[in-house]
N, C-alpha and C. Protein backbone atom coordinates (compact mmCIF):
# COMPACT_ATOMS: atom_id res chain seq x y z
N MET A 1 -131.58 39.23 -8.61
CA MET A 1 -130.36 39.93 -8.25
C MET A 1 -130.70 41.35 -7.85
N GLU A 2 -130.20 41.75 -6.68
CA GLU A 2 -130.43 43.12 -6.21
C GLU A 2 -129.33 44.02 -6.75
N ASN A 3 -129.73 45.13 -7.33
CA ASN A 3 -128.77 46.08 -7.88
C ASN A 3 -128.72 47.29 -6.95
N LYS A 4 -127.72 47.34 -6.08
CA LYS A 4 -127.63 48.42 -5.10
C LYS A 4 -126.90 49.65 -5.63
N VAL A 5 -125.96 49.47 -6.56
CA VAL A 5 -125.14 50.61 -6.98
C VAL A 5 -125.13 50.87 -8.48
N GLY A 6 -125.42 49.90 -9.29
CA GLY A 6 -125.23 50.04 -10.73
C GLY A 6 -126.20 50.96 -11.44
N ASP A 7 -127.31 51.32 -10.78
CA ASP A 7 -128.29 52.18 -11.44
C ASP A 7 -127.92 53.65 -11.41
N LYS A 8 -126.88 54.00 -10.64
CA LYS A 8 -126.54 55.41 -10.54
C LYS A 8 -125.03 55.66 -10.63
N PRO A 9 -124.40 55.12 -11.67
CA PRO A 9 -122.96 55.39 -11.80
C PRO A 9 -122.73 56.85 -12.18
N PRO A 10 -121.60 57.42 -11.76
CA PRO A 10 -121.32 58.80 -12.17
C PRO A 10 -121.02 58.83 -13.67
N SER A 11 -121.24 59.97 -14.26
CA SER A 11 -120.86 60.12 -15.66
C SER A 11 -119.34 60.07 -15.74
N ALA A 12 -118.82 59.90 -16.93
CA ALA A 12 -117.36 59.87 -17.11
C ALA A 12 -116.75 61.18 -16.60
N GLU A 13 -117.45 62.28 -16.85
CA GLU A 13 -116.96 63.59 -16.40
C GLU A 13 -116.96 63.68 -14.88
N GLU A 14 -118.03 63.18 -14.24
CA GLU A 14 -118.10 63.21 -12.78
C GLU A 14 -117.01 62.33 -12.16
N ALA A 15 -116.80 61.16 -12.73
CA ALA A 15 -115.76 60.26 -12.22
C ALA A 15 -114.38 60.89 -12.37
N ALA A 16 -114.14 61.51 -13.52
CA ALA A 16 -112.85 62.18 -13.75
C ALA A 16 -112.68 63.35 -12.78
N ASP A 17 -113.76 64.08 -12.52
CA ASP A 17 -113.71 65.20 -11.58
C ASP A 17 -113.41 64.72 -10.16
N LEU A 18 -114.05 63.64 -9.74
CA LEU A 18 -113.79 63.09 -8.40
C LEU A 18 -112.33 62.65 -8.27
N LEU A 19 -111.82 61.99 -9.30
CA LEU A 19 -110.44 61.54 -9.28
C LEU A 19 -109.48 62.73 -9.23
N ALA A 20 -109.76 63.75 -10.03
CA ALA A 20 -108.91 64.95 -10.03
C ALA A 20 -108.92 65.62 -8.67
N LYS A 21 -110.09 65.69 -8.04
CA LYS A 21 -110.18 66.30 -6.71
C LYS A 21 -109.42 65.48 -5.67
N ALA A 22 -109.50 64.16 -5.77
CA ALA A 22 -108.77 63.29 -4.84
C ALA A 22 -107.26 63.48 -5.01
N LYS A 23 -106.81 63.54 -6.26
CA LYS A 23 -105.38 63.76 -6.53
C LYS A 23 -104.95 65.13 -6.04
N ASP A 24 -105.79 66.14 -6.26
CA ASP A 24 -105.48 67.50 -5.82
C ASP A 24 -105.37 67.55 -4.30
N LEU A 25 -106.28 66.89 -3.61
CA LEU A 25 -106.24 66.87 -2.15
C LEU A 25 -104.97 66.17 -1.66
N ALA A 26 -104.61 65.06 -2.29
CA ALA A 26 -103.38 64.35 -1.90
C ALA A 26 -102.16 65.24 -2.11
N THR A 27 -102.14 65.97 -3.21
CA THR A 27 -101.02 66.88 -3.48
C THR A 27 -100.95 67.98 -2.43
N LYS A 28 -102.09 68.53 -2.05
CA LYS A 28 -102.12 69.59 -1.04
C LYS A 28 -101.70 69.05 0.33
N LEU A 29 -102.11 67.84 0.67
CA LEU A 29 -101.73 67.26 1.95
C LEU A 29 -100.23 66.98 2.02
N LYS A 30 -99.62 66.63 0.89
CA LYS A 30 -98.19 66.34 0.85
C LYS A 30 -97.34 67.55 1.20
N VAL A 31 -97.86 68.75 0.97
CA VAL A 31 -97.11 69.98 1.26
C VAL A 31 -96.73 70.04 2.74
N HIS A 32 -97.62 69.60 3.60
CA HIS A 32 -97.39 69.67 5.05
C HIS A 32 -97.19 68.30 5.68
N GLY A 33 -97.24 67.26 4.87
CA GLY A 33 -97.21 65.91 5.43
C GLY A 33 -96.11 65.06 4.85
N ILE A 34 -96.07 63.83 5.31
CA ILE A 34 -95.08 62.85 4.85
C ILE A 34 -95.78 61.51 4.65
N THR A 35 -95.05 60.60 4.04
CA THR A 35 -95.50 59.22 3.94
C THR A 35 -94.48 58.36 4.68
N LEU A 36 -94.92 57.70 5.72
CA LEU A 36 -94.04 56.85 6.52
C LEU A 36 -93.84 55.50 5.85
N THR A 37 -92.69 54.92 6.09
CA THR A 37 -92.49 53.54 5.67
C THR A 37 -93.27 52.65 6.63
N VAL A 38 -93.45 51.41 6.27
CA VAL A 38 -94.16 50.48 7.15
C VAL A 38 -93.41 50.38 8.48
N ASP A 39 -92.10 50.31 8.39
CA ASP A 39 -91.27 50.23 9.60
C ASP A 39 -91.42 51.48 10.47
N ASP A 40 -91.35 52.65 9.83
CA ASP A 40 -91.51 53.90 10.58
C ASP A 40 -92.88 53.97 11.24
N ARG A 41 -93.88 53.53 10.53
CA ARG A 41 -95.25 53.57 11.06
C ARG A 41 -95.37 52.71 12.32
N LYS A 42 -94.69 51.57 12.32
CA LYS A 42 -94.72 50.69 13.48
C LYS A 42 -94.01 51.30 14.68
N ARG A 43 -92.98 52.11 14.41
CA ARG A 43 -92.15 52.66 15.49
C ARG A 43 -92.65 53.98 16.05
N THR A 44 -93.62 54.61 15.43
CA THR A 44 -94.06 55.91 15.93
C THR A 44 -94.71 55.77 17.29
N LEU A 45 -94.47 56.77 18.12
CA LEU A 45 -95.13 56.82 19.42
C LEU A 45 -96.57 57.25 19.21
N ARG A 46 -97.45 56.67 19.96
CA ARG A 46 -98.86 57.03 19.85
C ARG A 46 -99.32 57.63 21.17
N PRO A 47 -99.76 58.89 21.12
CA PRO A 47 -100.19 59.53 22.36
C PRO A 47 -101.43 58.86 22.94
N ARG A 48 -101.57 58.99 24.23
CA ARG A 48 -102.78 58.49 24.88
C ARG A 48 -103.97 59.29 24.38
N ARG A 49 -105.12 58.66 24.39
CA ARG A 49 -106.35 59.34 24.01
C ARG A 49 -106.56 60.54 24.94
N GLY A 50 -106.85 61.69 24.36
CA GLY A 50 -107.09 62.89 25.16
C GLY A 50 -105.82 63.62 25.57
N ALA A 51 -104.68 63.23 25.02
CA ALA A 51 -103.40 63.81 25.44
C ALA A 51 -103.20 65.24 24.97
N ASP A 52 -103.87 65.65 23.90
CA ASP A 52 -103.56 66.97 23.33
C ASP A 52 -103.75 68.12 24.32
N VAL A 53 -104.72 68.02 25.21
CA VAL A 53 -104.94 69.06 26.23
C VAL A 53 -103.71 69.14 27.14
N HIS A 54 -103.17 68.00 27.49
CA HIS A 54 -102.02 67.95 28.39
C HIS A 54 -100.74 68.37 27.67
N VAL A 55 -100.62 68.03 26.40
CA VAL A 55 -99.48 68.49 25.62
C VAL A 55 -99.49 70.01 25.57
N GLN A 56 -100.65 70.59 25.32
CA GLN A 56 -100.77 72.05 25.28
C GLN A 56 -100.37 72.66 26.63
N ARG A 57 -100.79 72.05 27.70
CA ARG A 57 -100.46 72.57 29.04
C ARG A 57 -98.95 72.51 29.28
N VAL A 58 -98.30 71.43 28.88
CA VAL A 58 -96.85 71.32 29.03
C VAL A 58 -96.15 72.38 28.19
N VAL A 59 -96.64 72.65 26.99
CA VAL A 59 -96.08 73.72 26.16
C VAL A 59 -96.14 75.04 26.91
N GLU A 60 -97.31 75.34 27.46
CA GLU A 60 -97.50 76.61 28.19
C GLU A 60 -96.62 76.69 29.43
N LEU A 61 -96.54 75.61 30.19
CA LEU A 61 -95.72 75.61 31.41
C LEU A 61 -94.23 75.71 31.09
N ALA A 62 -93.79 75.00 30.06
CA ALA A 62 -92.38 75.07 29.67
C ALA A 62 -92.02 76.49 29.23
N ALA A 63 -92.92 77.14 28.50
CA ALA A 63 -92.67 78.53 28.09
C ALA A 63 -92.65 79.45 29.31
N LYS A 64 -93.59 79.27 30.20
CA LYS A 64 -93.71 80.12 31.39
C LYS A 64 -92.46 80.02 32.28
N TYR A 65 -91.93 78.81 32.43
CA TYR A 65 -90.80 78.60 33.33
C TYR A 65 -89.46 78.53 32.60
N GLY A 66 -89.46 78.83 31.32
CA GLY A 66 -88.21 78.92 30.57
C GLY A 66 -87.48 77.60 30.38
N VAL A 67 -88.22 76.52 30.30
CA VAL A 67 -87.60 75.21 30.09
C VAL A 67 -87.32 75.03 28.60
N ALA A 68 -86.07 74.69 28.29
CA ALA A 68 -85.68 74.44 26.90
C ALA A 68 -84.80 73.20 26.88
N LEU A 69 -85.12 72.28 26.02
CA LEU A 69 -84.36 71.04 25.89
C LEU A 69 -83.56 71.07 24.59
N PRO A 70 -82.31 70.61 24.63
CA PRO A 70 -81.52 70.59 23.40
C PRO A 70 -82.14 69.62 22.38
N ASN A 71 -82.19 70.05 21.15
CA ASN A 71 -82.70 69.26 20.02
C ASN A 71 -84.19 68.94 20.11
N ILE A 72 -84.91 69.55 21.05
CA ILE A 72 -86.36 69.36 21.14
C ILE A 72 -86.98 70.75 21.36
N PRO A 73 -87.11 71.52 20.28
CA PRO A 73 -87.63 72.88 20.44
C PRO A 73 -89.10 72.88 20.86
N LEU A 74 -89.41 73.79 21.76
CA LEU A 74 -90.78 73.93 22.25
C LEU A 74 -91.73 74.32 21.11
N ALA A 75 -91.27 75.18 20.23
CA ALA A 75 -92.09 75.58 19.08
C ALA A 75 -92.41 74.38 18.19
N GLY A 76 -91.48 73.45 18.09
CA GLY A 76 -91.72 72.24 17.30
C GLY A 76 -92.84 71.40 17.88
N MET A 77 -92.85 71.27 19.21
CA MET A 77 -93.92 70.50 19.85
C MET A 77 -95.26 71.20 19.64
N SER A 78 -95.26 72.50 19.78
CA SER A 78 -96.49 73.26 19.59
C SER A 78 -97.00 73.16 18.16
N ASN A 79 -96.09 73.25 17.20
CA ASN A 79 -96.47 73.13 15.79
C ASN A 79 -96.96 71.73 15.45
N ASP A 80 -96.32 70.72 16.03
CA ASP A 80 -96.76 69.34 15.80
C ASP A 80 -98.17 69.11 16.35
N LEU A 81 -98.43 69.68 17.52
CA LEU A 81 -99.77 69.56 18.11
C LEU A 81 -100.80 70.24 17.22
N LEU A 82 -100.47 71.42 16.72
CA LEU A 82 -101.38 72.14 15.83
C LEU A 82 -101.65 71.32 14.57
N LEU A 83 -100.59 70.79 13.97
CA LEU A 83 -100.76 69.99 12.75
C LEU A 83 -101.61 68.75 13.01
N ALA A 84 -101.36 68.08 14.13
CA ALA A 84 -102.16 66.89 14.47
C ALA A 84 -103.63 67.27 14.63
N ARG A 85 -103.89 68.39 15.27
CA ARG A 85 -105.28 68.85 15.45
C ARG A 85 -105.92 69.22 14.12
N GLN A 86 -105.16 69.83 13.23
CA GLN A 86 -105.69 70.22 11.93
C GLN A 86 -105.95 69.00 11.04
N TYR A 87 -105.07 68.02 11.10
CA TYR A 87 -105.20 66.87 10.21
C TYR A 87 -106.22 65.85 10.68
N GLN A 88 -106.54 65.80 11.98
CA GLN A 88 -107.46 64.79 12.48
C GLN A 88 -108.83 64.83 11.81
N PRO A 89 -109.49 66.00 11.70
CA PRO A 89 -110.79 65.99 11.03
C PRO A 89 -110.68 65.66 9.54
N ILE A 90 -109.57 66.02 8.92
CA ILE A 90 -109.35 65.66 7.51
C ILE A 90 -109.24 64.14 7.40
N GLU A 91 -108.46 63.56 8.29
CA GLU A 91 -108.30 62.10 8.31
C GLU A 91 -109.64 61.41 8.53
N ASP A 92 -110.43 61.93 9.44
CA ASP A 92 -111.75 61.34 9.72
C ASP A 92 -112.64 61.36 8.48
N GLU A 93 -112.69 62.48 7.79
CA GLU A 93 -113.52 62.59 6.58
C GLU A 93 -112.99 61.72 5.45
N LEU A 94 -111.68 61.66 5.32
CA LEU A 94 -111.10 60.80 4.28
C LEU A 94 -111.38 59.33 4.57
N ARG A 95 -111.38 58.96 5.82
CA ARG A 95 -111.70 57.57 6.20
C ARG A 95 -113.13 57.23 5.78
N VAL A 96 -114.05 58.17 6.00
CA VAL A 96 -115.45 57.97 5.58
C VAL A 96 -115.51 57.84 4.06
N ALA A 97 -114.81 58.74 3.35
CA ALA A 97 -114.82 58.71 1.89
C ALA A 97 -114.21 57.42 1.36
N LEU A 98 -113.11 56.98 1.97
CA LEU A 98 -112.47 55.74 1.55
C LEU A 98 -113.40 54.55 1.76
N GLN A 99 -114.10 54.53 2.88
CA GLN A 99 -115.04 53.43 3.14
C GLN A 99 -116.14 53.39 2.08
N ILE A 100 -116.66 54.57 1.73
CA ILE A 100 -117.70 54.64 0.69
C ILE A 100 -117.14 54.15 -0.64
N ALA A 101 -115.94 54.62 -1.00
CA ALA A 101 -115.34 54.21 -2.28
C ALA A 101 -115.08 52.71 -2.31
N GLU A 102 -114.51 52.17 -1.23
CA GLU A 102 -114.22 50.73 -1.19
C GLU A 102 -115.50 49.90 -1.23
N ASP A 103 -116.48 50.28 -0.42
CA ASP A 103 -117.72 49.50 -0.37
C ASP A 103 -118.47 49.57 -1.70
N THR A 104 -118.49 50.74 -2.31
CA THR A 104 -119.18 50.89 -3.59
C THR A 104 -118.48 50.08 -4.67
N GLY A 105 -117.15 50.16 -4.72
CA GLY A 105 -116.40 49.38 -5.70
C GLY A 105 -116.56 47.89 -5.50
N THR A 106 -116.53 47.46 -4.25
CA THR A 106 -116.72 46.03 -3.94
C THR A 106 -118.10 45.56 -4.36
N GLN A 107 -119.13 46.35 -4.01
CA GLN A 107 -120.50 45.98 -4.36
C GLN A 107 -120.70 45.97 -5.86
N ALA A 108 -120.16 46.98 -6.54
CA ALA A 108 -120.30 47.05 -8.00
C ALA A 108 -119.62 45.86 -8.67
N GLY A 109 -118.42 45.52 -8.20
CA GLY A 109 -117.72 44.36 -8.75
C GLY A 109 -118.49 43.07 -8.52
N SER A 110 -119.07 42.94 -7.34
CA SER A 110 -119.87 41.76 -7.01
C SER A 110 -121.10 41.66 -7.89
N GLU A 111 -121.79 42.78 -8.05
CA GLU A 111 -123.00 42.78 -8.88
C GLU A 111 -122.66 42.49 -10.34
N ALA A 112 -121.56 43.06 -10.83
CA ALA A 112 -121.16 42.80 -12.22
C ALA A 112 -120.82 41.33 -12.41
N TRP A 113 -120.11 40.74 -11.43
CA TRP A 113 -119.73 39.33 -11.53
C TRP A 113 -120.95 38.43 -11.46
N GLU A 114 -121.88 38.75 -10.59
CA GLU A 114 -123.10 37.96 -10.48
C GLU A 114 -123.88 37.98 -11.80
N ALA A 115 -124.01 39.15 -12.39
CA ALA A 115 -124.71 39.27 -13.67
C ALA A 115 -123.94 38.54 -14.77
N PHE A 116 -122.61 38.68 -14.76
CA PHE A 116 -121.77 37.99 -15.73
C PHE A 116 -122.01 36.49 -15.67
N LEU A 117 -121.98 35.94 -14.46
CA LEU A 117 -122.17 34.49 -14.30
C LEU A 117 -123.52 34.04 -14.85
N ALA A 118 -124.55 34.84 -14.62
CA ALA A 118 -125.88 34.50 -15.13
C ALA A 118 -125.89 34.51 -16.66
N TYR A 119 -125.37 35.58 -17.25
CA TYR A 119 -125.35 35.68 -18.71
C TYR A 119 -124.42 34.65 -19.33
N TYR A 120 -123.28 34.43 -18.71
CA TYR A 120 -122.34 33.44 -19.22
C TYR A 120 -122.98 32.05 -19.21
N GLY A 121 -123.70 31.73 -18.16
CA GLY A 121 -124.38 30.44 -18.09
C GLY A 121 -125.37 30.25 -19.22
N VAL A 122 -126.16 31.27 -19.49
CA VAL A 122 -127.15 31.19 -20.58
C VAL A 122 -126.45 31.09 -21.92
N LEU A 123 -125.44 31.95 -22.14
CA LEU A 123 -124.73 31.93 -23.42
C LEU A 123 -124.00 30.60 -23.63
N SER A 124 -123.43 30.04 -22.57
CA SER A 124 -122.75 28.73 -22.68
C SER A 124 -123.73 27.65 -23.10
N SER A 125 -124.91 27.70 -22.53
CA SER A 125 -125.94 26.73 -22.88
C SER A 125 -126.34 26.89 -24.35
N MET A 126 -126.52 28.15 -24.77
CA MET A 126 -126.89 28.41 -26.16
C MET A 126 -125.78 28.00 -27.13
N ALA A 127 -124.51 28.18 -26.70
CA ALA A 127 -123.37 27.90 -27.57
C ALA A 127 -123.29 26.43 -27.96
N GLN A 128 -123.86 25.56 -27.17
CA GLN A 128 -123.86 24.13 -27.51
C GLN A 128 -124.63 23.87 -28.79
N ARG A 129 -125.56 24.76 -29.12
CA ARG A 129 -126.38 24.60 -30.31
C ARG A 129 -126.05 25.62 -31.41
N MET A 130 -125.14 26.56 -31.10
CA MET A 130 -124.83 27.63 -32.05
C MET A 130 -123.31 27.76 -32.20
N PRO A 131 -122.75 27.15 -33.25
CA PRO A 131 -121.29 27.15 -33.42
C PRO A 131 -120.67 28.55 -33.50
N ASP A 132 -121.36 29.49 -34.14
CA ASP A 132 -120.81 30.85 -34.23
C ASP A 132 -120.68 31.48 -32.84
N LEU A 133 -121.71 31.32 -32.03
CA LEU A 133 -121.67 31.84 -30.66
C LEU A 133 -120.58 31.12 -29.88
N ALA A 134 -120.46 29.83 -30.06
CA ALA A 134 -119.43 29.06 -29.35
C ALA A 134 -118.04 29.60 -29.66
N ALA A 135 -117.79 29.92 -30.94
CA ALA A 135 -116.49 30.45 -31.33
C ALA A 135 -116.24 31.83 -30.70
N GLU A 136 -117.26 32.67 -30.69
CA GLU A 136 -117.10 34.00 -30.10
C GLU A 136 -116.96 33.95 -28.58
N LEU A 137 -117.57 32.96 -27.98
CA LEU A 137 -117.55 32.82 -26.52
C LEU A 137 -116.30 32.07 -26.03
N GLN A 138 -115.54 31.48 -26.95
CA GLN A 138 -114.41 30.63 -26.57
C GLN A 138 -113.39 31.32 -25.66
N PRO A 139 -112.98 32.58 -25.91
CA PRO A 139 -112.02 33.21 -24.99
C PRO A 139 -112.56 33.31 -23.56
N VAL A 140 -113.85 33.55 -23.43
CA VAL A 140 -114.46 33.61 -22.10
C VAL A 140 -114.48 32.22 -21.49
N ALA A 141 -114.82 31.21 -22.29
CA ALA A 141 -114.85 29.83 -21.80
C ALA A 141 -113.46 29.39 -21.36
N ASP A 142 -112.43 29.78 -22.12
CA ASP A 142 -111.05 29.45 -21.74
C ASP A 142 -110.70 30.10 -20.40
N PHE A 143 -111.07 31.34 -20.26
CA PHE A 143 -110.81 32.06 -19.01
C PHE A 143 -111.51 31.37 -17.84
N MET A 144 -112.74 30.99 -18.04
CA MET A 144 -113.52 30.37 -16.96
C MET A 144 -113.06 28.94 -16.67
N ALA A 145 -112.40 28.29 -17.62
CA ALA A 145 -111.99 26.89 -17.44
C ALA A 145 -110.73 26.76 -16.60
N ARG A 146 -109.97 27.82 -16.46
CA ARG A 146 -108.71 27.75 -15.71
C ARG A 146 -108.99 27.66 -14.22
N GLY A 147 -107.98 27.17 -13.50
CA GLY A 147 -108.09 27.05 -12.05
C GLY A 147 -107.99 28.41 -11.37
N PRO A 148 -107.63 28.41 -10.11
CA PRO A 148 -107.53 29.66 -9.35
C PRO A 148 -106.60 30.66 -10.04
N ARG A 149 -106.98 31.91 -10.00
CA ARG A 149 -106.23 32.97 -10.68
C ARG A 149 -105.08 33.47 -9.81
N LYS A 150 -104.01 33.83 -10.48
CA LYS A 150 -102.93 34.53 -9.79
C LYS A 150 -103.30 36.00 -9.74
N LYS A 151 -102.81 36.69 -8.74
CA LYS A 151 -103.10 38.11 -8.62
C LYS A 151 -102.51 38.84 -9.81
N ALA A 152 -103.29 39.78 -10.35
CA ALA A 152 -102.81 40.60 -11.46
C ALA A 152 -101.68 41.48 -10.96
N THR A 153 -100.67 41.66 -11.81
CA THR A 153 -99.54 42.52 -11.42
C THR A 153 -99.56 43.82 -12.16
């Protein structure tokens, strides 16, 4: 069995610190951001790739020529463009961090399960000859004897 992640787990303090920093970052992002519903997310307009340069140009031209639209303030478009530009690198880094967290958690769970299956197999074999071990192992045997699991709620 190859152990890719289990040899270097963070200390409890390091894990707690990482979690606190993640929560702190989420709290700070909420100050300027929102959480869309699934429906809202589907309905949002998505600018073409490379559009921000052209959005900026339209802001400048509208200001230069005094164009103002009711209920669509020019300053709002400019501020939205600024926010999108500021959040994009944050989003990119968070995506990298999320991928690392997901992949590490997935690999760690896989490695733990693989080791569990190996040890459980040996202990099950031993339990046939050791009644005390069989009794202690029974809750695990019951768990393993059941069919497909329902998702935990």
